[in-house]
Amino acid sequence: MANWNTTEAIESLAAEIGDKVYIDIAKWHLYLNDAHLHAVLAEQFYPLLADNNLHLRTVLSSPPSLKRSGFGMRRPNLLQDKG
């Protein structure tokens, strides 16, 4: 089980991310808490932050995988046989 201080820190980070970070979709701001992405990102960024290794270039060059949380995009298979 996670350390209580770590859990609190991740929850605090998630709240900060959720309230301040958004995705711009056609000039519409979708805040990450509304998209239910804030906690996932906080859990993945917290270890980098705790190790004092969270840098903008790190975040942008290797964004965390959201597939484990059920998030992600799929490309439709346009060549699929409609039979």
C-alpha atoms as a PDB file:
ATOM      1  CA  MET A   1       0.000   0.000   0.000  1.00  0.00           C
ATOM      2  CA  ALA A   2       1.183   3.501  -0.782  1.00  0.00           C
ATOM      3  CA  ASN A   3       2.605   5.737   1.890  1.00  0.00           C
ATOM      4  CA  TRP A   4      -0.013   8.189   3.217  1.00  0.00           C
ATOM      5  CA  ASN A   5       2.209  11.189   2.449  1.00  0.00           C
ATOM      6  CA  THR A   6       2.741   9.939  -1.080  1.00  0.00           C
ATOM      7  CA  THR A   7      -0.992   9.436  -1.557  1.00  0.00           C
ATOM      8  CA  GLU A   8      -1.711  12.949  -0.296  1.00  0.00           C
ATOM      9  CA  ALA A   9       0.981  14.396  -2.546  1.00  0.00           C
ATOM     10  CA  ILE A  10      -0.404  12.610  -5.609  1.00  0.00           C
ATOM     11  CA  GLU A  11      -3.947  13.762  -4.790  1.00  0.00           C
ATOM     12  CA  SER A  12      -2.717  17.326  -4.357  1.00  0.00           C
ATOM     13  CA  LEU A  13      -0.806  17.175  -7.636  1.00  0.00           C
ATOM     14  CA  ALA A  14      -3.889  15.733  -9.360  1.00  0.00           C
ATOM     15  CA  ALA A  15      -6.014  18.608  -8.053  1.00  0.00           C
ATOM     16  CA  GLU A  16      -3.492  21.163  -9.334  1.00  0.00           C
ATOM     17  CA  ILE A  17      -3.285  19.485 -12.738  1.00  0.00           C
ATOM     18  CA  GLY A  18      -7.057  19.145 -12.998  1.00  0.00           C
ATOM     19  CA  ASP A  19      -7.776  22.785 -12.189  1.00  0.00           C
ATOM     20  CA  LYS A  20      -5.025  24.387 -14.256  1.00  0.00           C
ATOM     21  CA  VAL A  21      -4.291  22.198 -17.279  1.00  0.00           C
ATOM     22  CA  TYR A  22      -6.631  21.850 -20.201  1.00  0.00           C
ATOM     23  CA  ILE A  23      -6.775  20.410 -23.676  1.00  0.00           C
ATOM     24  CA  ASP A  24      -7.638  22.913 -26.389  1.00  0.00           C
ATOM     25  CA  ILE A  25     -10.237  21.333 -28.639  1.00  0.00           C
ATOM     26  CA  ALA A  26     -11.431  23.658 -31.388  1.00  0.00           C
ATOM     27  CA  LYS A  27     -10.941  26.692 -29.110  1.00  0.00           C
ATOM     28  CA  TRP A  28     -12.831  24.932 -26.320  1.00  0.00           C
ATOM     29  CA  HIS A  29     -10.981  24.250 -23.067  1.00  0.00           C
ATOM     30  CA  LEU A  30     -11.457  20.753 -21.682  1.00  0.00           C
ATOM     31  CA  TYR A  31      -9.873  20.767 -18.224  1.00  0.00           C
ATOM     32  CA  LEU A  32      -8.155  17.531 -17.319  1.00  0.00           C
ATOM     33  CA  ASN A  33     -10.334  16.983 -14.263  1.00  0.00           C
ATOM     34  CA  ASP A  34     -13.393  17.046 -16.540  1.00  0.00           C
ATOM     35  CA  ALA A  35     -11.660  14.602 -18.886  1.00  0.00           C
ATOM     36  CA  HIS A  36     -10.760  12.393 -15.896  1.00  0.00           C
ATOM     37  CA  LEU A  37      -7.081  12.549 -16.826  1.00  0.00           C
ATOM     38  CA  HIS A  38      -5.715  14.507 -13.867  1.00  0.00           C
ATOM     39  CA  ALA A  39      -5.265  11.565 -11.476  1.00  0.00           C
ATOM     40  CA  VAL A  40      -3.674   9.347 -14.131  1.00  0.00           C
ATOM     41  CA  LEU A  41      -1.157  12.025 -15.025  1.00  0.00           C
ATOM     42  CA  ALA A  42      -0.418  12.840 -11.394  1.00  0.00           C
ATOM     43  CA  GLU A  43       0.333   9.183 -10.647  1.00  0.00           C
ATOM     44  CA  GLN A  44       2.733   9.020 -13.569  1.00  0.00           C
ATOM     45  CA  PHE A  45       4.405  12.406 -13.060  1.00  0.00           C
ATOM     46  CA  TYR A  46       4.767  12.179  -9.266  1.00  0.00           C
ATOM     47  CA  PRO A  47       7.822   9.871  -9.307  1.00  0.00           C
ATOM     48  CA  LEU A  48       9.600  12.299 -11.655  1.00  0.00           C
ATOM     49  CA  LEU A  49       8.671  15.202  -9.415  1.00  0.00           C
ATOM     50  CA  ALA A  50       9.758  13.352  -6.255  1.00  0.00           C
ATOM     51  CA  ASP A  51      13.138  12.598  -7.875  1.00  0.00           C
ATOM     52  CA  ASN A  52      13.469  16.257  -8.889  1.00  0.00           C
ATOM     53  CA  ASN A  53      13.545  15.089 -12.501  1.00  0.00           C
ATOM     54  CA  LEU A  54      10.370  16.656 -13.874  1.00  0.00           C
ATOM     55  CA  HIS A  55      11.369  18.935 -16.726  1.00  0.00           C
ATOM     56  CA  LEU A  56       9.263  20.327 -19.524  1.00  0.00           C
ATOM     57  CA  ARG A  57      11.328  18.563 -22.169  1.00  0.00           C
ATOM     58  CA  THR A  58      10.848  15.257 -20.324  1.00  0.00           C
ATOM     59  CA  VAL A  59       7.089  15.742 -20.167  1.00  0.00           C
ATOM     60  CA  LEU A  60       6.785  16.749 -23.808  1.00  0.00           C
ATOM     61  CA  SER A  61       9.201  14.193 -25.236  1.00  0.00           C
ATOM     62  CA  SER A  62       7.825  11.175 -23.418  1.00  0.00           C
ATOM     63  CA  PRO A  63       4.246  11.712 -22.301  1.00  0.00           C
ATOM     64  CA  PRO A  64       2.955   9.068 -19.927  1.00  0.00           C
ATOM     65  CA  SER A  65       1.009   6.196 -21.357  1.00  0.00           C
ATOM     66  CA  LEU A  66      -2.706   6.461 -20.773  1.00  0.00           C
ATOM     67  CA  LYS A  67      -3.484   3.036 -22.196  1.00  0.00           C
ATOM     68  CA  ARG A  68      -3.285   1.350 -18.793  1.00  0.00           C
ATOM     69  CA  SER A  69      -6.130   3.541 -17.590  1.00  0.00           C
ATOM     70  CA  GLY A  70      -8.390   2.883 -20.534  1.00  0.00           C
ATOM     71  CA  PHE A  71      -7.513   6.119 -22.284  1.00  0.00           C
ATOM     72  CA  GLY A  72      -6.012   6.305 -25.696  1.00  0.00           C
ATOM     73  CA  MET A  73      -6.947   6.802 -29.259  1.00  0.00           C
ATOM     74  CA  ARG A  74      -7.624   4.143 -31.817  1.00  0.00           C
ATOM     75  CA  ARG A  75      -7.445   4.689 -35.507  1.00  0.00           C
ATOM     76  CA  PRO A  76     -10.349   3.217 -37.406  1.00  0.00           C
ATOM     77  CA  ASN A  77      -9.376   0.467 -39.797  1.00  0.00           C
ATOM     78  CA  LEU A  78     -10.566   1.933 -43.076  1.00  0.00           C
ATOM     79  CA  LEU A  79      -9.493  -1.170 -44.958  1.00  0.00           C
ATOM     80  CA  GLN A  80     -11.641  -3.504 -42.880  1.00  0.00           C
ATOM     81  CA  ASP A  81     -13.986  -5.684 -44.917  1.00  0.00           C
ATOM     82  CA  LYS A  82     -17.560  -4.459 -44.356  1.00  0.00           C
ATOM     83  CA  GLY A  83     -18.762  -7.896 -45.558  1.00  0.00           C
END
